[in-house]
Amino acid sequence: MSECWKDADEMTKAFSELFKRMMEDPELSPKAEKLDQVVVFKYHDPDVQFWWDLRGGKKEFGTGEPPGEFKVRMALSGDDAHRSWSNKLNPVMAITRKKIKVDGNATGLLKLQPLLKKVAVIYKQVLDDMGMSDKKL
């Protein structure tokens, strides 16, 4: 049972808006494009799967099955995803402690870790704008 999310729809709305704003951000977007792959985030509690398709200059994201083969899939709880996007959970430490399970090579994705401070600012604004500023863990 999630401590943070009332259901999958609430988490989907928040993360979809976060991803949209990340892909529009002039600093984050070009760095994400350099991944040039499909990345999958498989969340549980609640169960939602997101994907990013960053191949060939695309900046697309969605839920469900990804469009094509993914290079890396990260599996974690919705609460840990919230902590991660809030920059309160270090992804490298979470992987070593098995809070995040990785299929594939996450090296490229982990190179974006220094950008999590900026992502956290965007995420906080998303939650505020959506009336979800009470999401604390």
N, C-alpha and C. Protein backbone atom coordinates (compact mmCIF):
# COMPACT_ATOMS: atom_id res chain seq x y z
N MET A 1 0.84 -1.18 0.00
CA MET A 1 0.00 0.00 0.00
C MET A 1 0.88 1.25 0.00
N SER A 2 0.61 2.15 -0.89
CA SER A 2 1.39 3.38 -1.01
C SER A 2 1.09 4.34 0.14
N GLU A 3 2.14 4.95 0.65
CA GLU A 3 2.00 5.98 1.67
C GLU A 3 1.70 7.33 1.02
N CYS A 4 2.02 7.46 -0.25
CA CYS A 4 1.97 8.75 -0.93
C CYS A 4 0.80 8.89 -1.90
N TRP A 5 0.54 7.84 -2.67
CA TRP A 5 -0.42 7.93 -3.77
C TRP A 5 -1.73 7.26 -3.40
N LYS A 6 -2.86 7.93 -3.70
CA LYS A 6 -4.15 7.31 -3.42
C LYS A 6 -4.49 6.24 -4.45
N ASP A 7 -3.98 6.41 -5.71
CA ASP A 7 -4.20 5.41 -6.74
C ASP A 7 -3.26 5.65 -7.93
N ALA A 8 -3.31 4.73 -8.88
CA ALA A 8 -2.43 4.81 -10.06
C ALA A 8 -2.73 6.03 -10.90
N ASP A 9 -4.00 6.43 -10.97
CA ASP A 9 -4.37 7.60 -11.78
C ASP A 9 -3.72 8.87 -11.25
N GLU A 10 -3.70 9.04 -9.94
CA GLU A 10 -3.09 10.23 -9.35
C GLU A 10 -1.60 10.28 -9.66
N MET A 11 -0.91 9.14 -9.51
CA MET A 11 0.52 9.09 -9.80
C MET A 11 0.77 9.32 -11.28
N THR A 12 -0.05 8.73 -12.14
CA THR A 12 0.11 8.89 -13.58
C THR A 12 -0.01 10.36 -13.98
N LYS A 13 -0.97 11.06 -13.44
CA LYS A 13 -1.15 12.48 -13.76
C LYS A 13 0.08 13.29 -13.34
N ALA A 14 0.56 13.05 -12.13
CA ALA A 14 1.70 13.82 -11.63
C ALA A 14 2.96 13.53 -12.43
N PHE A 15 3.27 12.25 -12.67
CA PHE A 15 4.50 11.90 -13.38
C PHE A 15 4.42 12.28 -14.85
N SER A 16 3.25 12.17 -15.45
CA SER A 16 3.11 12.58 -16.85
C SER A 16 3.39 14.07 -17.01
N GLU A 17 2.89 14.87 -16.10
CA GLU A 17 3.15 16.31 -16.16
C GLU A 17 4.63 16.59 -15.89
N LEU A 18 5.22 15.86 -14.94
CA LEU A 18 6.65 16.03 -14.69
C LEU A 18 7.45 15.72 -15.95
N PHE A 19 7.18 14.58 -16.59
CA PHE A 19 7.94 14.20 -17.79
C PHE A 19 7.75 15.22 -18.90
N LYS A 20 6.52 15.72 -19.06
CA LYS A 20 6.25 16.74 -20.08
C LYS A 20 7.13 17.97 -19.84
N ARG A 21 7.15 18.44 -18.61
CA ARG A 21 7.94 19.64 -18.30
C ARG A 21 9.44 19.37 -18.41
N MET A 22 9.87 18.17 -18.05
CA MET A 22 11.29 17.83 -18.20
C MET A 22 11.69 17.88 -19.66
N MET A 23 10.84 17.35 -20.53
CA MET A 23 11.17 17.30 -21.95
C MET A 23 11.10 18.68 -22.60
N GLU A 24 10.42 19.63 -21.96
CA GLU A 24 10.36 21.01 -22.46
C GLU A 24 11.46 21.89 -21.88
N ASP A 25 12.13 21.42 -20.84
CA ASP A 25 13.14 22.23 -20.15
C ASP A 25 14.39 22.37 -21.02
N PRO A 26 14.87 23.60 -21.22
CA PRO A 26 16.02 23.82 -22.11
C PRO A 26 17.34 23.20 -21.61
N GLU A 27 17.44 22.94 -20.32
CA GLU A 27 18.65 22.30 -19.80
C GLU A 27 18.52 20.77 -19.78
N LEU A 28 17.37 20.28 -19.32
CA LEU A 28 17.19 18.84 -19.17
C LEU A 28 16.96 18.11 -20.49
N SER A 29 16.17 18.71 -21.36
CA SER A 29 15.78 18.04 -22.60
C SER A 29 16.97 17.60 -23.45
N PRO A 30 17.95 18.46 -23.73
CA PRO A 30 19.07 18.01 -24.57
C PRO A 30 19.89 16.89 -23.92
N LYS A 31 19.98 16.92 -22.59
CA LYS A 31 20.75 15.88 -21.90
C LYS A 31 20.00 14.56 -21.91
N ALA A 32 18.70 14.60 -21.80
CA ALA A 32 17.90 13.39 -21.89
C ALA A 32 17.98 12.79 -23.30
N GLU A 33 17.94 13.65 -24.31
CA GLU A 33 18.03 13.18 -25.70
C GLU A 33 19.30 12.37 -25.96
N LYS A 34 20.38 12.74 -25.27
CA LYS A 34 21.65 12.04 -25.47
C LYS A 34 21.60 10.58 -25.04
N LEU A 35 20.58 10.20 -24.27
CA LEU A 35 20.44 8.79 -23.90
C LEU A 35 20.19 7.94 -25.14
N ASP A 36 19.45 8.49 -26.11
CA ASP A 36 19.18 7.85 -27.39
C ASP A 36 18.74 6.39 -27.24
N GLN A 37 17.74 6.17 -26.37
CA GLN A 37 17.24 4.82 -26.14
C GLN A 37 15.83 4.89 -25.55
N VAL A 38 15.24 3.72 -25.41
CA VAL A 38 13.96 3.60 -24.72
C VAL A 38 14.26 3.19 -23.27
N VAL A 39 13.68 3.95 -22.34
CA VAL A 39 13.86 3.69 -20.91
C VAL A 39 12.48 3.40 -20.32
N VAL A 40 12.40 2.37 -19.48
CA VAL A 40 11.14 1.99 -18.86
C VAL A 40 11.25 2.14 -17.34
N PHE A 41 10.21 2.73 -16.75
CA PHE A 41 10.09 2.82 -15.30
C PHE A 41 8.87 1.98 -14.91
N LYS A 42 9.13 0.89 -14.23
CA LYS A 42 8.05 -0.02 -13.82
C LYS A 42 7.81 0.18 -12.32
N TYR A 43 6.67 0.81 -12.00
CA TYR A 43 6.35 1.13 -10.62
C TYR A 43 5.34 0.13 -10.07
N HIS A 44 5.44 -0.10 -8.77
CA HIS A 44 4.44 -0.90 -8.07
C HIS A 44 3.98 -0.12 -6.84
N ASP A 45 2.78 -0.38 -6.41
CA ASP A 45 2.17 0.32 -5.26
C ASP A 45 2.11 1.82 -5.48
N PRO A 46 1.36 2.32 -6.42
CA PRO A 46 0.48 1.65 -7.36
C PRO A 46 1.22 1.16 -8.62
N ASP A 47 0.58 0.25 -9.32
CA ASP A 47 1.16 -0.36 -10.51
C ASP A 47 0.94 0.51 -11.74
N VAL A 48 2.04 1.07 -12.24
CA VAL A 48 2.03 1.89 -13.46
C VAL A 48 3.38 1.69 -14.14
N GLN A 49 3.36 1.58 -15.43
CA GLN A 49 4.62 1.51 -16.18
C GLN A 49 4.68 2.70 -17.13
N PHE A 50 5.78 3.45 -17.04
CA PHE A 50 6.05 4.58 -17.92
C PHE A 50 7.22 4.23 -18.82
N TRP A 51 7.28 4.86 -19.96
CA TRP A 51 8.44 4.72 -20.85
C TRP A 51 8.79 6.08 -21.41
N TRP A 52 10.08 6.21 -21.70
CA TRP A 52 10.60 7.36 -22.44
C TRP A 52 11.19 6.81 -23.71
N ASP A 53 10.85 7.39 -24.85
CA ASP A 53 11.48 7.04 -26.12
C ASP A 53 12.31 8.25 -26.55
N LEU A 54 13.62 8.10 -26.39
CA LEU A 54 14.55 9.19 -26.67
C LEU A 54 15.43 8.86 -27.87
N ARG A 55 14.98 7.94 -28.70
CA ARG A 55 15.77 7.52 -29.86
C ARG A 55 15.67 8.56 -30.97
N GLY A 56 16.81 8.84 -31.58
CA GLY A 56 16.84 9.69 -32.78
C GLY A 56 16.25 11.06 -32.59
N GLY A 57 16.45 11.66 -31.42
CA GLY A 57 15.94 13.01 -31.18
C GLY A 57 14.50 13.07 -30.70
N LYS A 58 13.85 11.90 -30.55
CA LYS A 58 12.49 11.91 -30.01
C LYS A 58 12.52 12.32 -28.55
N LYS A 59 11.42 12.87 -28.11
CA LYS A 59 11.23 13.18 -26.69
C LYS A 59 9.81 12.79 -26.33
N GLU A 60 9.53 11.50 -26.45
CA GLU A 60 8.18 11.00 -26.22
C GLU A 60 8.15 10.17 -24.94
N PHE A 61 6.99 10.14 -24.31
CA PHE A 61 6.80 9.32 -23.13
C PHE A 61 5.36 8.86 -23.09
N GLY A 62 5.12 7.82 -22.32
CA GLY A 62 3.76 7.32 -22.20
C GLY A 62 3.69 6.25 -21.13
N THR A 63 2.52 5.63 -21.04
CA THR A 63 2.32 4.55 -20.09
C THR A 63 2.09 3.26 -20.85
N GLY A 64 2.23 2.15 -20.14
CA GLY A 64 2.01 0.84 -20.75
C GLY A 64 3.27 0.30 -21.37
N GLU A 65 3.09 -0.47 -22.42
CA GLU A 65 4.23 -1.10 -23.10
C GLU A 65 4.98 -0.07 -23.95
N PRO A 66 6.30 -0.11 -23.92
CA PRO A 66 7.08 0.85 -24.70
C PRO A 66 7.03 0.57 -26.20
N PRO A 67 7.26 1.59 -27.01
CA PRO A 67 7.29 1.42 -28.46
C PRO A 67 8.66 0.91 -28.91
N GLY A 68 8.86 -0.36 -28.83
CA GLY A 68 10.16 -0.92 -29.21
C GLY A 68 10.89 -1.47 -28.00
N GLU A 69 12.05 -2.03 -28.28
CA GLU A 69 12.84 -2.64 -27.21
C GLU A 69 13.46 -1.58 -26.32
N PHE A 70 13.43 -1.85 -25.03
CA PHE A 70 14.06 -0.93 -24.09
C PHE A 70 15.48 -1.40 -23.79
N LYS A 71 16.34 -0.44 -23.46
CA LYS A 71 17.72 -0.75 -23.08
C LYS A 71 17.85 -0.89 -21.58
N VAL A 72 16.99 -0.19 -20.85
CA VAL A 72 17.04 -0.27 -19.39
C VAL A 72 15.63 -0.13 -18.82
N ARG A 73 15.39 -0.95 -17.79
CA ARG A 73 14.12 -0.86 -17.06
C ARG A 73 14.46 -0.77 -15.58
N MET A 74 13.87 0.23 -14.95
CA MET A 74 14.06 0.41 -13.52
C MET A 74 12.74 0.11 -12.83
N ALA A 75 12.76 -0.79 -11.85
CA ALA A 75 11.55 -1.18 -11.13
C ALA A 75 11.67 -0.71 -9.67
N LEU A 76 10.65 0.00 -9.22
CA LEU A 76 10.64 0.51 -7.86
C LEU A 76 9.22 0.85 -7.44
N SER A 77 9.05 1.12 -6.15
CA SER A 77 7.72 1.46 -5.66
C SER A 77 7.35 2.89 -6.06
N GLY A 78 6.07 3.17 -6.07
CA GLY A 78 5.62 4.53 -6.35
C GLY A 78 6.13 5.52 -5.31
N ASP A 79 6.23 5.08 -4.05
CA ASP A 79 6.74 5.96 -3.00
C ASP A 79 8.23 6.25 -3.23
N ASP A 80 9.00 5.24 -3.61
CA ASP A 80 10.42 5.47 -3.89
C ASP A 80 10.60 6.31 -5.16
N ALA A 81 9.70 6.18 -6.11
CA ALA A 81 9.75 7.04 -7.29
C ALA A 81 9.52 8.50 -6.87
N HIS A 82 8.55 8.71 -6.01
CA HIS A 82 8.30 10.06 -5.48
C HIS A 82 9.54 10.59 -4.78
N ARG A 83 10.16 9.76 -3.96
CA ARG A 83 11.39 10.18 -3.26
C ARG A 83 12.51 10.49 -4.26
N SER A 84 12.60 9.67 -5.29
CA SER A 84 13.65 9.86 -6.29
C SER A 84 13.45 11.17 -7.05
N TRP A 85 12.24 11.41 -7.54
CA TRP A 85 11.98 12.65 -8.29
C TRP A 85 12.07 13.87 -7.39
N SER A 86 11.89 13.68 -6.07
CA SER A 86 12.04 14.76 -5.10
C SER A 86 13.50 14.98 -4.69
N ASN A 87 14.38 14.15 -5.22
CA ASN A 87 15.81 14.18 -4.89
C ASN A 87 16.07 13.84 -3.41
N LYS A 88 15.22 12.97 -2.87
CA LYS A 88 15.39 12.50 -1.49
C LYS A 88 15.84 11.05 -1.45
N LEU A 89 16.00 10.45 -2.62
CA LEU A 89 16.47 9.07 -2.72
C LEU A 89 17.57 9.05 -3.77
N ASN A 90 18.74 8.70 -3.36
CA ASN A 90 19.88 8.61 -4.27
C ASN A 90 19.74 7.34 -5.10
N PRO A 91 19.60 7.45 -6.43
CA PRO A 91 19.39 6.25 -7.24
C PRO A 91 20.51 5.22 -7.14
N VAL A 92 21.75 5.66 -7.07
CA VAL A 92 22.87 4.71 -6.97
C VAL A 92 22.77 3.91 -5.68
N MET A 93 22.53 4.61 -4.58
CA MET A 93 22.39 3.93 -3.28
C MET A 93 21.15 3.02 -3.28
N ALA A 94 20.09 3.49 -3.90
CA ALA A 94 18.86 2.69 -3.94
C ALA A 94 19.07 1.41 -4.75
N ILE A 95 19.86 1.49 -5.81
CA ILE A 95 20.16 0.29 -6.60
C ILE A 95 21.00 -0.68 -5.76
N THR A 96 22.00 -0.19 -5.08
CA THR A 96 22.84 -1.08 -4.27
C THR A 96 22.06 -1.69 -3.12
N ARG A 97 21.07 -0.97 -2.61
CA ARG A 97 20.23 -1.49 -1.51
C ARG A 97 19.00 -2.23 -2.01
N LYS A 98 18.93 -2.39 -3.32
CA LYS A 98 17.85 -3.15 -3.98
C LYS A 98 16.46 -2.53 -3.79
N LYS A 99 16.41 -1.22 -3.57
CA LYS A 99 15.13 -0.51 -3.58
C LYS A 99 14.72 -0.26 -5.03
N ILE A 100 15.73 -0.16 -5.90
CA ILE A 100 15.50 -0.04 -7.34
C ILE A 100 16.16 -1.25 -8.00
N LYS A 101 15.38 -1.99 -8.76
CA LYS A 101 15.91 -3.13 -9.52
C LYS A 101 16.10 -2.68 -10.95
N VAL A 102 17.23 -3.04 -11.53
CA VAL A 102 17.57 -2.59 -12.88
C VAL A 102 17.72 -3.79 -13.80
N ASP A 103 17.04 -3.73 -14.94
CA ASP A 103 17.25 -4.67 -16.05
C ASP A 103 17.93 -3.87 -17.14
N GLY A 104 19.10 -4.33 -17.57
CA GLY A 104 19.84 -3.62 -18.60
C GLY A 104 20.92 -2.76 -17.98
N ASN A 105 21.49 -1.90 -18.80
CA ASN A 105 22.60 -1.06 -18.38
C ASN A 105 22.09 0.35 -18.07
N ALA A 106 22.13 0.73 -16.80
CA ALA A 106 21.61 2.03 -16.38
C ALA A 106 22.69 3.11 -16.34
N THR A 107 23.88 2.82 -16.84
CA THR A 107 24.98 3.78 -16.74
C THR A 107 24.61 5.13 -17.34
N GLY A 108 24.05 5.14 -18.54
CA GLY A 108 23.68 6.41 -19.18
C GLY A 108 22.65 7.17 -18.37
N LEU A 109 21.67 6.46 -17.87
CA LEU A 109 20.62 7.09 -17.07
C LEU A 109 21.19 7.66 -15.77
N LEU A 110 22.10 6.94 -15.16
CA LEU A 110 22.70 7.40 -13.91
C LEU A 110 23.59 8.62 -14.11
N LYS A 111 24.05 8.84 -15.33
CA LYS A 111 24.82 10.05 -15.61
C LYS A 111 23.97 11.30 -15.46
N LEU A 112 22.66 11.12 -15.48
CA LEU A 112 21.75 12.25 -15.31
C LEU A 112 21.48 12.57 -13.84
N GLN A 113 22.03 11.77 -12.93
CA GLN A 113 21.79 11.97 -11.50
C GLN A 113 22.08 13.40 -11.04
N PRO A 114 23.15 14.04 -11.52
CA PRO A 114 23.39 15.42 -11.07
C PRO A 114 22.25 16.39 -11.42
N LEU A 115 21.41 16.01 -12.36
CA LEU A 115 20.29 16.87 -12.76
C LEU A 115 19.07 16.71 -11.86
N LEU A 116 19.13 15.76 -10.92
CA LEU A 116 17.96 15.51 -10.07
C LEU A 116 17.58 16.72 -9.22
N LYS A 117 18.54 17.57 -8.89
CA LYS A 117 18.19 18.77 -8.13
C LYS A 117 17.24 19.65 -8.93
N LYS A 118 17.54 19.80 -10.22
CA LYS A 118 16.66 20.61 -11.09
C LYS A 118 15.32 19.89 -11.29
N VAL A 119 15.36 18.58 -11.48
CA VAL A 119 14.12 17.81 -11.63
C VAL A 119 13.25 17.97 -10.39
N ALA A 120 13.87 17.96 -9.21
CA ALA A 120 13.11 18.09 -7.96
C ALA A 120 12.38 19.43 -7.89
N VAL A 121 13.01 20.49 -8.40
CA VAL A 121 12.36 21.81 -8.42
C VAL A 121 11.14 21.77 -9.34
N ILE A 122 11.30 21.17 -10.51
CA ILE A 122 10.18 21.05 -11.45
C ILE A 122 9.09 20.19 -10.85
N TYR A 123 9.48 19.07 -10.23
CA TYR A 123 8.51 18.14 -9.63
C TYR A 123 7.71 18.84 -8.52
N LYS A 124 8.38 19.60 -7.67
CA LYS A 124 7.69 20.32 -6.61
C LYS A 124 6.67 21.29 -7.22
N GLN A 125 7.05 21.98 -8.29
CA GLN A 125 6.13 22.91 -8.95
C GLN A 125 4.94 22.16 -9.54
N VAL A 126 5.19 21.00 -10.14
CA VAL A 126 4.10 20.17 -10.68
C VAL A 126 3.12 19.82 -9.57
N LEU A 127 3.64 19.32 -8.45
CA LEU A 127 2.76 18.93 -7.35
C LEU A 127 1.98 20.13 -6.82
N ASP A 128 2.65 21.28 -6.69
CA ASP A 128 1.96 22.50 -6.25
C ASP A 128 0.85 22.89 -7.22
N ASP A 129 1.18 22.89 -8.52
CA ASP A 129 0.20 23.28 -9.54
C ASP A 129 -1.00 22.34 -9.59
N MET A 130 -0.78 21.08 -9.22
CA MET A 130 -1.86 20.08 -9.29
C MET A 130 -2.59 19.93 -7.95
N GLY A 131 -2.26 20.78 -6.98
CA GLY A 131 -2.89 20.68 -5.68
C GLY A 131 -2.45 19.46 -4.88
N MET A 132 -1.25 19.00 -5.14
CA MET A 132 -0.72 17.81 -4.48
C MET A 132 0.51 18.13 -3.61
N SER A 133 0.61 19.36 -3.15
CA SER A 133 1.80 19.75 -2.40
C SER A 133 1.90 19.06 -1.05
N ASP A 134 0.86 18.31 -0.69
CA ASP A 134 0.89 17.57 0.57
C ASP A 134 1.67 16.25 0.47
N LYS A 135 2.18 15.93 -0.72
CA LYS A 135 2.91 14.68 -0.92
C LYS A 135 4.28 14.77 -0.28
N LYS A 136 4.41 14.29 0.91
CA LYS A 136 5.68 14.31 1.61
C LYS A 136 5.99 12.89 2.10
N LEU A 137 7.25 12.51 2.01
CA LEU A 137 7.68 11.23 2.57
C LEU A 137 9.03 11.42 3.22
